[in-house]
PDB file of all heavy atoms in Angstrom:
ATOM      1  N   THR A   1     -37.075  21.719  17.960  1.00  0.00           N
ATOM      2  CA  THR A   1     -37.936  22.394  18.938  1.00  0.00           C
ATOM      3  C   THR A   1     -39.384  22.445  18.475  1.00  0.00           C
ATOM      4  O   THR A   1     -40.270  22.791  19.260  1.00  0.00           O
ATOM      5  CB  THR A   1     -37.443  23.832  19.196  1.00  0.00           C
ATOM      6  OG1 THR A   1     -37.568  24.609  17.995  1.00  0.00           O
ATOM      7  CG2 THR A   1     -35.991  23.847  19.646  1.00  0.00           C
ATOM      8  N   GLN A   2     -39.636  22.123  17.200  1.00  0.00           N
ATOM      9  CA  GLN A   2     -40.994  22.151  16.659  1.00  0.00           C
ATOM     10  C   GLN A   2     -41.619  20.763  16.574  1.00  0.00           C
ATOM     11  O   GLN A   2     -42.806  20.634  16.266  1.00  0.00           O
ATOM     12  CB  GLN A   2     -40.984  22.742  15.242  1.00  0.00           C
ATOM     13  CG  GLN A   2     -40.379  24.128  15.127  1.00  0.00           C
ATOM     14  CD  GLN A   2     -40.181  24.530  13.667  1.00  0.00           C
ATOM     15  OE1 GLN A   2     -39.874  23.688  12.821  1.00  0.00           O
ATOM     16  NE2 GLN A   2     -40.344  25.809  13.380  1.00  0.00           N
ATOM     17  N   VAL A   3     -40.839  19.730  16.876  1.00  0.00           N
ATOM     18  CA  VAL A   3     -41.247  18.373  16.527  1.00  0.00           C
ATOM     19  C   VAL A   3     -42.458  17.891  17.326  1.00  0.00           C
ATOM     20  O   VAL A   3     -43.203  17.014  16.862  1.00  0.00           O
ATOM     21  CB  VAL A   3     -40.045  17.412  16.691  1.00  0.00           C
ATOM     22  CG1 VAL A   3     -39.778  17.100  18.149  1.00  0.00           C
ATOM     23  CG2 VAL A   3     -40.229  16.157  15.867  1.00  0.00           C
ATOM     24  N   TYR A   4     -42.687  18.451  18.496  1.00  0.00           N
ATOM     25  CA  TYR A   4     -43.834  18.013  19.311  1.00  0.00           C
ATOM     26  C   TYR A   4     -45.048  18.934  19.126  1.00  0.00           C
ATOM     27  O   TYR A   4     -46.092  18.711  19.745  1.00  0.00           O
ATOM     28  CB  TYR A   4     -43.447  17.987  20.800  1.00  0.00           C
ATOM     29  CG  TYR A   4     -43.175  19.338  21.395  1.00  0.00           C
ATOM     30  CD1 TYR A   4     -44.180  20.068  22.032  1.00  0.00           C
ATOM     31  CD2 TYR A   4     -41.921  19.920  21.299  1.00  0.00           C
ATOM     32  CE1 TYR A   4     -43.940  21.315  22.559  1.00  0.00           C
ATOM     33  CE2 TYR A   4     -41.667  21.161  21.821  1.00  0.00           C
ATOM     34  CZ  TYR A   4     -42.679  21.859  22.459  1.00  0.00           C
ATOM     35  OH  TYR A   4     -42.423  23.118  22.959  1.00  0.00           O
ATOM     36  N   GLN A   5     -44.912  19.963  18.281  1.00  0.00           N
ATOM     37  CA  GLN A   5     -45.976  20.959  18.129  1.00  0.00           C
ATOM     38  C   GLN A   5     -46.706  20.853  16.799  1.00  0.00           C
ATOM     39  O   GLN A   5     -47.363  21.795  16.384  1.00  0.00           O
ATOM     40  CB  GLN A   5     -45.388  22.373  18.267  1.00  0.00           C
ATOM     41  CG  GLN A   5     -44.936  22.732  19.666  1.00  0.00           C
ATOM     42  CD  GLN A   5     -44.456  24.169  19.737  1.00  0.00           C
ATOM     43  OE1 GLN A   5     -43.549  24.583  19.014  1.00  0.00           O
ATOM     44  NE2 GLN A   5     -45.072  24.961  20.596  1.00  0.00           N
ATOM     45  N   HIS A   6     -46.623  19.739  16.124  1.00  0.00           N
ATOM     46  CA  HIS A   6     -47.217  19.631  14.795  1.00  0.00           C
ATOM     47  C   HIS A   6     -48.722  19.903  14.810  1.00  0.00           C
ATOM     48  O   HIS A   6     -49.239  20.581  13.914  1.00  0.00           O
ATOM     49  CB  HIS A   6     -46.936  18.246  14.202  1.00  0.00           C
ATOM     50  CG  HIS A   6     -45.512  18.068  13.778  1.00  0.00           C
ATOM     51  ND1 HIS A   6     -45.052  16.941  13.122  1.00  0.00           N
ATOM     52  CD2 HIS A   6     -44.429  18.880  13.901  1.00  0.00           C
ATOM     53  CE1 HIS A   6     -43.763  17.070  12.862  1.00  0.00           C
ATOM     54  NE2 HIS A   6     -43.358  18.229  13.338  1.00  0.00           N
ATOM     55  N   ALA A   7     -49.404  19.388  15.802  1.00  0.00           N
ATOM     56  CA  ALA A   7     -50.858  19.581  15.855  1.00  0.00           C
ATOM     57  C   ALA A   7     -51.199  21.052  16.063  1.00  0.00           C
ATOM     58  O   ALA A   7     -52.093  21.601  15.396  1.00  0.00           O
ATOM     59  CB  ALA A   7     -51.467  18.729  16.972  1.00  0.00           C
ATOM     60  N   GLU A   8     -50.491  21.718  16.991  1.00  0.00           N
ATOM     61  CA  GLU A   8     -50.734  23.145  17.257  1.00  0.00           C
ATOM     62  C   GLU A   8     -50.430  23.981  16.024  1.00  0.00           C
ATOM     63  O   GLU A   8     -51.194  24.876  15.656  1.00  0.00           O
ATOM     64  CB  GLU A   8     -49.866  23.610  18.425  1.00  0.00           C
ATOM     65  CG  GLU A   8     -50.377  23.209  19.796  1.00  0.00           C
ATOM     66  CD  GLU A   8     -51.417  24.187  20.323  1.00  0.00           C
ATOM     67  OE1 GLU A   8     -51.669  25.212  19.660  1.00  0.00           O
ATOM     68  OE2 GLU A   8     -51.993  23.916  21.379  1.00  0.00           O
ATOM     69  N   ASP A   9     -49.292  23.722  15.375  1.00  0.00           N
ATOM     70  CA  ASP A   9     -48.902  24.495  14.198  1.00  0.00           C
ATOM     71  C   ASP A   9     -49.891  24.294  13.046  1.00  0.00           C
ATOM     72  O   ASP A   9     -50.261  25.253  12.357  1.00  0.00           O
ATOM     73  CB  ASP A   9     -47.489  24.105  13.752  1.00  0.00           C
ATOM     74  CG  ASP A   9     -46.426  24.559  14.740  1.00  0.00           C
ATOM     75  OD1 ASP A   9     -46.651  25.571  15.414  1.00  0.00           O
ATOM     76  OD2 ASP A   9     -45.379  23.887  14.836  1.00  0.00           O
ATOM     77  N   ALA A  10     -50.332  23.060  12.847  1.00  0.00           N
ATOM     78  CA  ALA A  10     -51.303  22.786  11.776  1.00  0.00           C
ATOM     79  C   ALA A  10     -52.620  23.487  12.063  1.00  0.00           C
ATOM     80  O   ALA A  10     -53.277  23.996  11.138  1.00  0.00           O
ATOM     81  CB  ALA A  10     -51.507  21.286  11.646  1.00  0.00           C
ATOM     82  N   ARG A  11     -53.013  23.538  13.335  1.00  0.00           N
ATOM     83  CA  ARG A  11     -54.271  24.202  13.711  1.00  0.00           C
ATOM     84  C   ARG A  11     -54.228  25.687  13.355  1.00  0.00           C
ATOM     85  O   ARG A  11     -55.231  26.262  12.911  1.00  0.00           O
ATOM     86  CB  ARG A  11     -54.523  24.031  15.211  1.00  0.00           C
ATOM     87  CG  ARG A  11     -55.780  24.720  15.737  1.00  0.00           C
ATOM     88  CD  ARG A  11     -55.945  24.518  17.227  1.00  0.00           C
ATOM     89  NE  ARG A  11     -54.839  25.073  17.979  1.00  0.00           N
ATOM     90  CZ  ARG A  11     -54.722  26.372  18.289  1.00  0.00           C
ATOM     91  NH1 ARG A  11     -55.635  27.232  17.871  1.00  0.00           N
ATOM     92  NH2 ARG A  11     -53.686  26.800  18.990  1.00  0.00           N
ATOM     93  N   ARG A  12     -53.068  26.327  13.531  1.00  0.00           N
ATOM     94  CA  ARG A  12     -52.933  27.756  13.238  1.00  0.00           C
ATOM     95  C   ARG A  12     -52.628  28.026  11.768  1.00  0.00           C
ATOM     96  O   ARG A  12     -52.608  29.173  11.336  1.00  0.00           O
ATOM     97  CB  ARG A  12     -51.815  28.364  14.096  1.00  0.00           C
ATOM     98  CG  ARG A  12     -52.153  28.555  15.548  1.00  0.00           C
ATOM     99  CD  ARG A  12     -51.085  29.421  16.204  1.00  0.00           C
ATOM    100  NE  ARG A  12     -49.769  28.819  16.051  1.00  0.00           N
ATOM    101  CZ  ARG A  12     -49.194  28.038  16.954  1.00  0.00           C
ATOM    102  NH1 ARG A  12     -49.835  27.748  18.059  1.00  0.00           N
ATOM    103  NH2 ARG A  12     -47.993  27.543  16.744  1.00  0.00           N
ATOM    104  N   GLY A  13     -52.328  26.978  11.016  1.00  0.00           N
ATOM    105  CA  GLY A  13     -51.973  27.171   9.613  1.00  0.00           C
ATOM    106  C   GLY A  13     -50.508  27.510   9.404  1.00  0.00           C
ATOM    107  O   GLY A  13     -50.130  27.986   8.330  1.00  0.00           O
ATOM    108  N   ASP A  14     -49.654  27.252  10.405  1.00  0.00           N
ATOM    109  CA  ASP A  14     -48.220  27.503  10.280  1.00  0.00           C
ATOM    110  C   ASP A  14     -47.549  26.252   9.721  1.00  0.00           C
ATOM    111  O   ASP A  14     -47.458  25.228  10.392  1.00  0.00           O
ATOM    112  CB  ASP A  14     -47.606  27.839  11.648  1.00  0.00           C
ATOM    113  CG  ASP A  14     -48.097  29.173  12.177  1.00  0.00           C
ATOM    114  OD1 ASP A  14     -48.497  30.016  11.361  1.00  0.00           O
ATOM    115  OD2 ASP A  14     -48.074  29.360  13.413  1.00  0.00           O
ATOM    116  N   ARG A  15     -47.064  26.352   8.492  1.00  0.00           N
ATOM    117  CA  ARG A  15     -46.407  25.201   7.857  1.00  0.00           C
ATOM    118  C   ARG A  15     -44.924  25.244   8.197  1.00  0.00           C
ATOM    119  O   ARG A  15     -44.085  25.648   7.384  1.00  0.00           O
ATOM    120  CB  ARG A  15     -46.622  25.233   6.347  1.00  0.00           C
ATOM    121  CG  ARG A  15     -48.084  25.208   5.921  1.00  0.00           C
ATOM    122  CD  ARG A  15     -48.727  23.889   6.258  1.00  0.00           C
ATOM    123  NE  ARG A  15     -48.122  22.789   5.499  1.00  0.00           N
ATOM    124  CZ  ARG A  15     -48.410  21.513   5.693  1.00  0.00           C
ATOM    125  NH1 ARG A  15     -49.254  21.171   6.651  1.00  0.00           N
ATOM    126  NH2 ARG A  15     -47.840  20.584   4.960  1.00  0.00           N
ATOM    127  N   THR A  16     -44.582  24.840   9.415  1.00  0.00           N
ATOM    128  CA  THR A  16     -43.196  24.873   9.852  1.00  0.00           C
ATOM    129  C   THR A  16     -42.371  23.835   9.102  1.00  0.00           C
ATOM    130  O   THR A  16     -42.911  22.895   8.514  1.00  0.00           O
ATOM    131  CB  THR A  16     -43.092  24.598  11.361  1.00  0.00           C
ATOM    132  OG1 THR A  16     -43.572  23.269  11.621  1.00  0.00           O
ATOM    133  CG2 THR A  16     -43.911  25.598  12.153  1.00  0.00           C
ATOM    134  N   LEU A  17     -41.052  24.018   9.144  1.00  0.00           N
ATOM    135  CA  LEU A  17     -40.178  23.073   8.456  1.00  0.00           C
ATOM    136  C   LEU A  17     -40.337  21.668   9.016  1.00  0.00           C
ATOM    137  O   LEU A  17     -40.380  20.681   8.262  1.00  0.00           O
ATOM    138  CB  LEU A  17     -38.721  23.526   8.589  1.00  0.00           C
ATOM    139  CG  LEU A  17     -37.684  22.622   7.905  1.00  0.00           C
ATOM    140  CD1 LEU A  17     -37.922  22.574   6.413  1.00  0.00           C
ATOM    141  CD2 LEU A  17     -36.272  23.097   8.220  1.00  0.00           C
ATOM    142  N   SER A  18     -40.427  21.552  10.341  1.00  0.00           N
ATOM    143  CA  SER A  18     -40.586  20.239  10.958  1.00  0.00           C
ATOM    144  C   SER A  18     -41.880  19.568  10.509  1.00  0.00           C
ATOM    145  O   SER A  18     -41.911  18.360  10.255  1.00  0.00           O
ATOM    146  CB  SER A  18     -40.559  20.364  12.485  1.00  0.00           C
ATOM    147  OG  SER A  18     -40.715  19.105  13.101  1.00  0.00           O
ATOM    148  N   LEU A  19     -42.946  20.358  10.388  1.00  0.00           N
ATOM    149  CA  LEU A  19     -44.224  19.810   9.940  1.00  0.00           C
ATOM    150  C   LEU A  19     -44.121  19.314   8.503  1.00  0.00           C
ATOM    151  O   LEU A  19     -44.678  18.265   8.147  1.00  0.00           O
ATOM    152  CB  LEU A  19     -45.313  20.879  10.070  1.00  0.00           C
ATOM    153  CG  LEU A  19     -46.754  20.447   9.802  1.00  0.00           C
ATOM    154  CD1 LEU A  19     -47.172  19.319  10.740  1.00  0.00           C
ATOM    155  CD2 LEU A  19     -47.701  21.641   9.968  1.00  0.00           C
ATOM    156  N   ARG A  20     -43.409  20.058   7.680  1.00  0.00           N
ATOM    157  CA  ARG A  20     -43.242  19.657   6.283  1.00  0.00           C
ATOM    158  C   ARG A  20     -42.365  18.411   6.158  1.00  0.00           C
ATOM    159  O   ARG A  20     -42.611  17.550   5.308  1.00  0.00           O
ATOM    160  CB  ARG A  20     -42.613  20.805   5.484  1.00  0.00           C
ATOM    161  CG  ARG A  20     -43.515  22.020   5.318  1.00  0.00           C
ATOM    162  CD  ARG A  20     -44.657  21.746   4.357  1.00  0.00           C
ATOM    163  NE  ARG A  20     -44.207  21.450   3.017  1.00  0.00           N
ATOM    164  CZ  ARG A  20     -43.968  22.354   2.086  1.00  0.00           C
ATOM    165  NH1 ARG A  20     -44.154  23.638   2.358  1.00  0.00           N
ATOM    166  NH2 ARG A  20     -43.555  22.003   0.886  1.00  0.00           N
ATOM    167  N   LEU A  21     -41.351  18.309   7.000  1.00  0.00           N
ATOM    168  CA  LEU A  21     -40.424  17.184   6.928  1.00  0.00           C
ATOM    169  C   LEU A  21     -41.004  15.916   7.540  1.00  0.00           C
ATOM    170  O   LEU A  21     -40.610  14.807   7.176  1.00  0.00           O
ATOM    171  CB  LEU A  21     -39.110  17.524   7.643  1.00  0.00           C
ATOM    172  CG  LEU A  21     -38.216  18.573   6.995  1.00  0.00           C
ATOM    173  CD1 LEU A  21     -37.077  18.942   7.932  1.00  0.00           C
ATOM    174  CD2 LEU A  21     -37.662  18.073   5.662  1.00  0.00           C
ATOM    175  N   GLY A  22     -41.935  16.089   8.475  1.00  0.00           N
ATOM    176  CA  GLY A  22     -42.424  14.952   9.237  1.00  0.00           C
ATOM    177  C   GLY A  22     -41.490  14.679  10.404  1.00  0.00           C
ATOM    178  O   GLY A  22     -40.374  15.210  10.464  1.00  0.00           O
ATOM    179  N   ILE A  23     -41.918  13.847  11.335  1.00  0.00           N
ATOM    180  CA  ILE A  23     -41.120  13.633  12.539  1.00  0.00           C
ATOM    181  C   ILE A  23     -39.790  12.962  12.219  1.00  0.00           C
ATOM    182  O   ILE A  23     -38.714  13.434  12.615  1.00  0.00           O
ATOM    183  CB  ILE A  23     -41.928  12.809  13.569  1.00  0.00           C
ATOM    184  CG1 ILE A  23     -43.099  13.660  14.092  1.00  0.00           C
ATOM    185  CG2 ILE A  23     -41.033  12.363  14.718  1.00  0.00           C
ATOM    186  CD1 ILE A  23     -43.998  12.950  15.068  1.00  0.00           C
ATOM    187  N   ARG A  24     -39.811  11.864  11.480  1.00  0.00           N
ATOM    188  CA  ARG A  24     -38.561  11.195  11.146  1.00  0.00           C
ATOM    189  C   ARG A  24     -37.680  12.058  10.254  1.00  0.00           C
ATOM    190  O   ARG A  24     -36.455  12.121  10.441  1.00  0.00           O
ATOM    191  CB  ARG A  24     -38.849   9.861  10.458  1.00  0.00           C
ATOM    192  CG  ARG A  24     -39.464   8.809  11.376  1.00  0.00           C
ATOM    193  CD  ARG A  24     -39.612   7.485  10.654  1.00  0.00           C
ATOM    194  NE  ARG A  24     -40.186   6.460  11.520  1.00  0.00           N
ATOM    195  CZ  ARG A  24     -40.388   5.202  11.162  1.00  0.00           C
ATOM    196  NH1 ARG A  24     -40.077   4.815   9.928  1.00  0.00           N
ATOM    197  NH2 ARG A  24     -40.904   4.332  12.017  1.00  0.00           N
ATOM    198  N   GLY A  25     -38.297  12.726   9.308  1.00  0.00           N
ATOM    199  CA  GLY A  25     -37.543  13.616   8.426  1.00  0.00           C
ATOM    200  C   GLY A  25     -36.863  14.736   9.190  1.00  0.00           C
ATOM    201  O   GLY A  25     -35.753  15.172   8.825  1.00  0.00           O
ATOM    202  N   THR A  26     -37.513  15.211  10.243  1.00  0.00           N
ATOM    203  CA  THR A  26     -36.913  16.267  11.069  1.00  0.00           C
ATOM    204  C   THR A  26     -35.620  15.783  11.707  1.00  0.00           C
ATOM    205  O   THR A  26     -34.617  16.505  11.748  1.00  0.00           O
ATOM    206  CB  THR A  26     -37.898  16.706  12.174  1.00  0.00           C
ATOM    207  OG1 THR A  26     -39.060  17.273  11.558  1.00  0.00           O
ATOM    208  CG2 THR A  26     -37.270  17.733  13.093  1.00  0.00           C
ATOM    209  N   PHE A  27     -35.615  14.552  12.191  1.00  0.00           N
ATOM    210  CA  PHE A  27     -34.413  14.012  12.828  1.00  0.00           C
ATOM    211  C   PHE A  27     -33.294  13.799  11.809  1.00  0.00           C
ATOM    212  O   PHE A  27     -32.113  14.036  12.109  1.00  0.00           O
ATOM    213  CB  PHE A  27     -34.745  12.720  13.568  1.00  0.00           C
ATOM    214  CG  PHE A  27     -35.336  12.953  14.922  1.00  0.00           C
ATOM    215  CD1 PHE A  27     -36.686  13.255  15.070  1.00  0.00           C
ATOM    216  CD2 PHE A  27     -34.550  12.904  16.057  1.00  0.00           C
ATOM    217  CE1 PHE A  27     -37.238  13.490  16.317  1.00  0.00           C
ATOM    218  CE2 PHE A  27     -35.076  13.142  17.308  1.00  0.00           C
ATOM    219  CZ  PHE A  27     -36.434  13.436  17.445  1.00  0.00           C
ATOM    220  N   VAL A  28     -33.651  13.363  10.616  1.00  0.00           N
ATOM    221  CA  VAL A  28     -32.633  13.193   9.574  1.00  0.00           C
ATOM    222  C   VAL A  28     -32.027  14.548   9.215  1.00  0.00           C
ATOM    223  O   VAL A  28     -30.794  14.699   9.131  1.00  0.00           O
ATOM    224  CB  VAL A  28     -33.246  12.530   8.326  1.00  0.00           C
ATOM    225  CG1 VAL A  28     -32.238  12.523   7.176  1.00  0.00           C
ATOM    226  CG2 VAL A  28     -33.690  11.105   8.644  1.00  0.00           C
ATOM    227  N   PHE A  29     -32.880  15.542   9.000  1.00  0.00           N
ATOM    228  CA  PHE A  29     -32.415  16.885   8.658  1.00  0.00           C
ATOM    229  C   PHE A  29     -31.528  17.446   9.767  1.00  0.00           C
ATOM    230  O   PHE A  29     -30.457  18.007   9.504  1.00  0.00           O
ATOM    231  CB  PHE A  29     -33.616  17.806   8.420  1.00  0.00           C
ATOM    232  CG  PHE A  29     -33.237  19.222   8.083  1.00  0.00           C
ATOM    233  CD1 PHE A  29     -33.007  19.596   6.766  1.00  0.00           C
ATOM    234  CD2 PHE A  29     -33.121  20.183   9.080  1.00  0.00           C
ATOM    235  CE1 PHE A  29     -32.651  20.908   6.450  1.00  0.00           C
ATOM    236  CE2 PHE A  29     -32.766  21.489   8.772  1.00  0.00           C
ATOM    237  CZ  PHE A  29     -32.531  21.850   7.462  1.00  0.00           C
ATOM    238  N   ALA A  30     -31.969  17.292  11.024  1.00  0.00           N
ATOM    239  CA  ALA A  30     -31.205  17.806  12.159  1.00  0.00           C
ATOM    240  C   ALA A  30     -29.838  17.144  12.241  1.00  0.00           C
ATOM    241  O   ALA A  30     -28.813  17.804  12.456  1.00  0.00           O
ATOM    242  CB  ALA A  30     -31.983  17.586  13.450  1.00  0.00           C
ATOM    243  N   GLY A  31     -29.807  15.830  12.058  1.00  0.00           N
ATOM    244  CA  GLY A  31     -28.539  15.119  12.123  1.00  0.00           C
ATOM    245  C   GLY A  31     -27.560  15.577  11.053  1.00  0.00           C
ATOM    246  O   GLY A  31     -26.366  15.777  11.320  1.00  0.00           O
ATOM    247  N   LEU A  32     -28.050  15.792   9.831  1.00  0.00           N
ATOM    248  CA  LEU A  32     -27.187  16.240   8.743  1.00  0.00           C
ATOM    249  C   LEU A  32     -26.662  17.657   8.996  1.00  0.00           C
ATOM    250  O   LEU A  32     -25.474  17.934   8.770  1.00  0.00           O
ATOM    251  CB  LEU A  32     -27.964  16.197   7.416  1.00  0.00           C
ATOM    252  CG  LEU A  32     -28.319  14.805   6.896  1.00  0.00           C
ATOM    253  CD1 LEU A  32     -29.210  14.911   5.658  1.00  0.00           C
ATOM    254  CD2 LEU A  32     -27.064  14.000   6.586  1.00  0.00           C
ATOM    255  N   ALA A  33     -27.540  18.547   9.472  1.00  0.00           N
ATOM    256  CA  ALA A  33     -27.121  19.926   9.731  1.00  0.00           C
ATOM    257  C   ALA A  33     -26.105  19.985  10.865  1.00  0.00           C
ATOM    258  O   ALA A  33     -25.109  20.714  10.796  1.00  0.00           O
ATOM    259  CB  ALA A  33     -28.340  20.788  10.058  1.00  0.00           C
ATOM    260  N   LEU A  34     -26.344  19.228  11.936  1.00  0.00           N
ATOM    261  CA  LEU A  34     -25.416  19.216  13.061  1.00  0.00           C
ATOM    262  C   LEU A  34     -24.072  18.615  12.659  1.00  0.00           C
ATOM    263  O   LEU A  34     -23.012  19.102  13.087  1.00  0.00           O
ATOM    264  CB  LEU A  34     -26.023  18.440  14.228  1.00  0.00           C
ATOM    265  CG  LEU A  34     -27.261  19.087  14.873  1.00  0.00           C
ATOM    266  CD1 LEU A  34     -27.890  18.127  15.877  1.00  0.00           C
ATOM    267  CD2 LEU A  34     -26.893  20.406  15.551  1.00  0.00           C
ATOM    268  N   ALA A  35     -24.107  17.570  11.836  1.00  0.00           N
ATOM    269  CA  ALA A  35     -22.861  16.964  11.371  1.00  0.00           C
ATOM    270  C   ALA A  35     -22.077  17.937  10.493  1.00  0.00           C
ATOM    271  O   ALA A  35     -20.847  18.044  10.596  1.00  0.00           O
ATOM    272  CB  ALA A  35     -23.163  15.679  10.598  1.00  0.00           C
ATOM    273  N   ALA A  36     -22.792  18.669   9.622  1.00  0.00           N
ATOM    274  CA  ALA A  36     -22.132  19.661   8.771  1.00  0.00           C
ATOM    275  C   ALA A  36     -21.501  20.762   9.618  1.00  0.00           C
ATOM    276  O   ALA A  36     -20.375  21.207   9.356  1.00  0.00           O
ATOM    277  CB  ALA A  36     -23.137  20.256   7.788  1.00  0.00           C
TER     278      ALA A  36
END
């Protein structure tokens, strides 16, 4: 849910998990968590 808001979050200084993981990293993380 954060993957399209990277620019907004960075502007406010919110270092969200998705921003830290990057877009591709977010999908990898999501896939692993959902599979678990």
